[in-house]
N, C-alpha and C. Protein backbone atom coordinates (compact mmCIF):
# COMPACT_ATOMS: atom_id res chain seq x y z
N MET A 1 -11.92 52.06 179.84
CA MET A 1 -12.93 51.38 179.13
C MET A 1 -13.52 50.50 179.66
N ALA A 2 -12.97 49.75 181.10
CA ALA A 2 -13.67 49.09 181.90
C ALA A 2 -14.96 49.59 182.50
N GLY A 3 -14.32 50.92 183.19
CA GLY A 3 -15.34 51.30 183.79
C GLY A 3 -16.80 52.22 182.83
N GLN A 4 -16.12 51.95 181.45
CA GLN A 4 -17.58 52.43 180.18
C GLN A 4 -18.73 51.09 180.24
N ALA A 5 -17.77 50.14 180.34
CA ALA A 5 -18.31 49.27 179.95
C ALA A 5 -19.31 48.84 181.28
N ILE A 6 -18.90 48.69 182.71
CA ILE A 6 -19.71 48.63 183.70
C ILE A 6 -20.96 49.64 183.94
N SER A 7 -20.84 50.63 183.25
CA SER A 7 -21.86 51.65 183.34
C SER A 7 -22.36 51.82 182.04
N LEU A 8 -21.78 50.56 181.20
CA LEU A 8 -23.08 50.28 180.00
C LEU A 8 -24.23 49.50 180.91
N VAL A 9 -23.31 48.73 181.45
CA VAL A 9 -24.46 47.60 181.80
C VAL A 9 -25.51 47.93 182.96
N LYS A 10 -24.65 49.10 184.02
CA LYS A 10 -25.91 49.77 184.91
C LYS A 10 -26.90 50.39 184.04
N ASP A 11 -26.62 51.27 182.92
CA ASP A 11 -27.47 52.14 182.10
C ASP A 11 -28.21 51.54 181.03
N THR A 12 -27.87 50.37 180.67
CA THR A 12 -28.66 49.72 179.63
C THR A 12 -29.15 48.69 179.64
N SER A 13 -29.53 47.97 178.68
CA SER A 13 -30.07 46.24 178.96
C SER A 13 -28.92 45.34 178.67
N ILE A 14 -28.42 44.10 178.74
CA ILE A 14 -27.91 43.36 178.62
C ILE A 14 -28.85 42.27 177.79
N VAL A 15 -27.88 42.46 176.24
CA VAL A 15 -28.41 41.38 175.32
C VAL A 15 -30.04 41.92 175.02
N SER A 16 -30.43 43.03 175.23
CA SER A 16 -31.83 43.26 174.93
C SER A 16 -33.08 42.51 176.04
N LEU A 17 -32.44 42.26 177.08
CA LEU A 17 -33.40 40.90 177.86
C LEU A 17 -33.17 41.38 179.49
N ILE A 18 -32.22 41.55 179.82
CA ILE A 18 -32.05 42.10 181.37
C ILE A 18 -31.63 43.24 181.31
N SER A 19 -32.17 44.06 182.21
CA SER A 19 -31.53 45.30 182.71
C SER A 19 -31.51 45.65 184.05
N ILE A 20 -30.84 46.57 184.95
CA ILE A 20 -31.17 46.56 185.98
C ILE A 20 -32.41 47.42 186.55
N GLN A 21 -32.78 47.95 186.24
CA GLN A 21 -34.00 48.66 186.21
C GLN A 21 -34.97 47.01 186.06
N GLU A 22 -34.91 46.55 185.33
CA GLU A 22 -35.93 45.38 184.69
C GLU A 22 -35.93 44.54 186.38
N MET A 23 -34.49 44.32 186.34
CA MET A 23 -33.92 43.06 187.71
C MET A 23 -34.85 44.03 189.04
N THR A 24 -34.60 45.22 189.08
CA THR A 24 -35.27 45.77 190.11
C THR A 24 -36.61 45.47 189.68
N PHE A 25 -37.51 46.07 188.92
CA PHE A 25 -38.44 45.80 188.99
C PHE A 25 -39.18 44.81 189.37
N VAL A 26 -38.57 43.54 188.70
CA VAL A 26 -39.04 42.05 188.82
C VAL A 26 -38.62 41.90 190.45
N GLY A 27 -37.86 42.27 190.81
CA GLY A 27 -37.28 41.74 192.03
C GLY A 27 -38.46 42.49 193.35
N THR A 28 -38.91 43.74 193.09
CA THR A 28 -39.96 44.50 193.42
C THR A 28 -41.02 43.46 193.69
N GLU A 29 -41.53 43.04 192.31
CA GLU A 29 -42.75 42.42 191.86
C GLU A 29 -42.70 41.07 192.81
N MET A 30 -41.52 40.70 193.01
CA MET A 30 -41.59 38.73 193.63
C MET A 30 -42.20 39.37 194.94
N ALA A 31 -40.88 40.00 195.85
CA ALA A 31 -41.00 40.58 197.35
C ALA A 31 -42.04 40.56 197.32
N ASN A 32 -42.76 41.59 196.61
CA ASN A 32 -44.49 42.22 197.44
C ASN A 32 -45.39 40.68 197.16
N SER A 33 -45.29 39.93 196.23
CA SER A 33 -46.33 38.72 196.41
C SER A 33 -45.55 37.48 196.97
N SER A 34 -44.66 37.70 197.31
CA SER A 34 -43.92 36.56 197.81
C SER A 34 -43.78 36.47 199.47
N GLY A 35 -43.36 37.63 200.06
CA GLY A 35 -43.27 38.48 201.26
C GLY A 35 -41.79 37.83 201.60
N LEU A 36 -40.77 37.04 200.52
CA LEU A 36 -39.60 36.97 200.97
C LEU A 36 -38.65 38.33 200.40
N ILE A 37 -39.37 39.24 201.02
CA ILE A 37 -38.50 40.87 200.60
C ILE A 37 -36.80 40.75 200.65
N PHE A 38 -35.93 40.43 201.85
CA PHE A 38 -35.02 40.39 202.14
C PHE A 38 -34.10 39.85 201.17
N GLU A 39 -34.67 37.84 200.96
CA GLU A 39 -33.94 37.00 200.07
C GLU A 39 -34.05 37.38 198.90
N ILE A 40 -35.35 38.17 197.96
CA ILE A 40 -35.44 38.76 196.95
C ILE A 40 -34.23 39.32 196.91
N TRP A 41 -34.18 40.14 197.71
CA TRP A 41 -33.38 41.52 197.50
C TRP A 41 -31.85 41.10 197.59
N LEU A 42 -31.24 40.45 198.28
CA LEU A 42 -29.96 39.39 198.24
C LEU A 42 -29.87 38.95 196.96
N ILE A 43 -30.82 38.22 196.58
CA ILE A 43 -30.58 37.45 194.81
C ILE A 43 -30.25 38.68 194.22
N VAL A 44 -30.81 39.62 193.75
CA VAL A 44 -30.84 40.72 192.83
C VAL A 44 -29.73 41.24 192.91
N GLY A 45 -29.07 41.51 194.05
CA GLY A 45 -27.98 42.09 194.54
C GLY A 45 -26.69 41.33 194.34
N PHE A 46 -26.88 40.29 194.68
CA PHE A 46 -25.80 39.03 194.14
C PHE A 46 -25.85 38.94 192.47
N VAL A 47 -26.76 38.83 191.87
CA VAL A 47 -26.59 38.93 190.64
C VAL A 47 -25.88 39.89 189.72
N TYR A 48 -26.44 41.14 190.45
CA TYR A 48 -25.61 42.31 189.48
C TYR A 48 -24.59 42.70 190.22
N PHE A 49 -23.86 42.00 191.58
CA PHE A 49 -22.31 42.33 191.70
C PHE A 49 -21.91 41.12 190.83
N ALA A 50 -22.41 40.12 190.67
CA ALA A 50 -21.71 38.70 189.41
C ALA A 50 -21.33 39.45 188.35
N LEU A 51 -22.77 40.08 187.86
CA LEU A 51 -22.27 40.73 186.40
C LEU A 51 -21.47 41.18 186.23
N CYS A 52 -21.13 42.58 187.50
CA CYS A 52 -20.38 43.86 187.42
C CYS A 52 -18.80 43.02 187.92
N PHE A 53 -18.91 41.85 188.69
CA PHE A 53 -17.66 41.44 188.97
C PHE A 53 -17.14 40.62 187.72
N ALA A 54 -17.80 40.13 186.99
CA ALA A 54 -17.17 39.48 185.87
C ALA A 54 -16.25 40.22 185.04
N LEU A 55 -17.52 41.48 184.81
CA LEU A 55 -17.13 42.19 183.48
C LEU A 55 -15.88 43.10 184.17
N SER A 56 -15.34 43.34 185.17
CA SER A 56 -14.48 43.70 185.57
C SER A 56 -13.12 42.82 185.60
N ARG A 57 -13.70 41.57 185.56
CA ARG A 57 -12.15 40.85 185.90
C ARG A 57 -12.10 40.50 183.97
N LEU A 58 -12.80 40.32 183.37
CA LEU A 58 -12.83 40.44 182.16
C LEU A 58 -11.68 41.56 181.23
N PHE A 59 -11.98 42.78 181.96
CA PHE A 59 -11.55 43.88 181.45
C PHE A 59 -10.11 44.08 181.96
N LYS A 60 -10.17 43.64 183.00
CA LYS A 60 -8.42 43.21 183.75
C LYS A 60 -7.50 42.55 182.76
N MET A 61 -8.01 41.62 182.80
CA MET A 61 -7.64 40.47 182.07
C MET A 61 -7.23 41.23 180.53
N ILE A 62 -8.08 41.54 179.81
CA ILE A 62 -8.18 41.83 178.49
C ILE A 62 -6.66 42.73 178.56
N GLU A 63 -6.75 44.15 179.81
CA GLU A 63 -5.48 44.98 179.77
C GLU A 63 -4.45 44.42 180.29
N GLN A 64 -4.38 43.19 180.58
CA GLN A 64 -2.95 42.85 181.21
C GLN A 64 -2.50 41.90 179.76
N ARG A 65 -3.21 41.66 179.38
CA ARG A 65 -2.64 40.91 177.55
C ARG A 65 -2.37 41.93 176.98
N SER A 66 -3.13 42.75 176.71
CA SER A 66 -2.87 44.03 176.17
C SER A 66 -1.68 44.74 175.90
N SER A 67 -1.62 45.10 177.72
CA SER A 67 -0.03 45.41 178.15
C SER A 67 1.04 44.23 177.72
N ALA A 68 1.00 43.11 178.24
CA ALA A 68 1.78 42.24 177.61
C ALA A 68 2.40 42.25 176.20
N TYR A 69 1.22 42.46 175.34
CA TYR A 69 1.63 42.68 173.96
C TYR A 69 2.27 43.43 173.89
N LEU A 70 2.19 44.90 174.06
CA LEU A 70 2.84 45.88 173.80
C LEU A 70 4.19 46.16 174.21
N ASN A 71 4.22 45.75 175.40
CA ASN A 71 6.07 45.31 176.35
C ASN A 71 6.20 44.48 175.48
N HIS A 72 5.91 43.37 174.59
CA HIS A 72 6.49 42.47 174.14
C HIS A 72 6.96 42.78 172.84
N GLN A 73 6.44 43.76 172.10
CA GLN A 73 6.72 44.43 170.86
C GLN A 73 8.04 45.46 170.88
């Protein structure tokens, strides 16, 4: 389930506002206009990593709680 959710983030938009494709497009535009290529891509990569990491931790917590609930019954 966690893998599917993270794939969903990579393949579709998040809350219909931010998607990976949009983030890379905006990153490209900002890097071209500002000349701060490395810095912009570092920020884009960090945002992407933080998003996937947060989802991974969330699903790990959900899996642990559901496992504990099932073992308790």
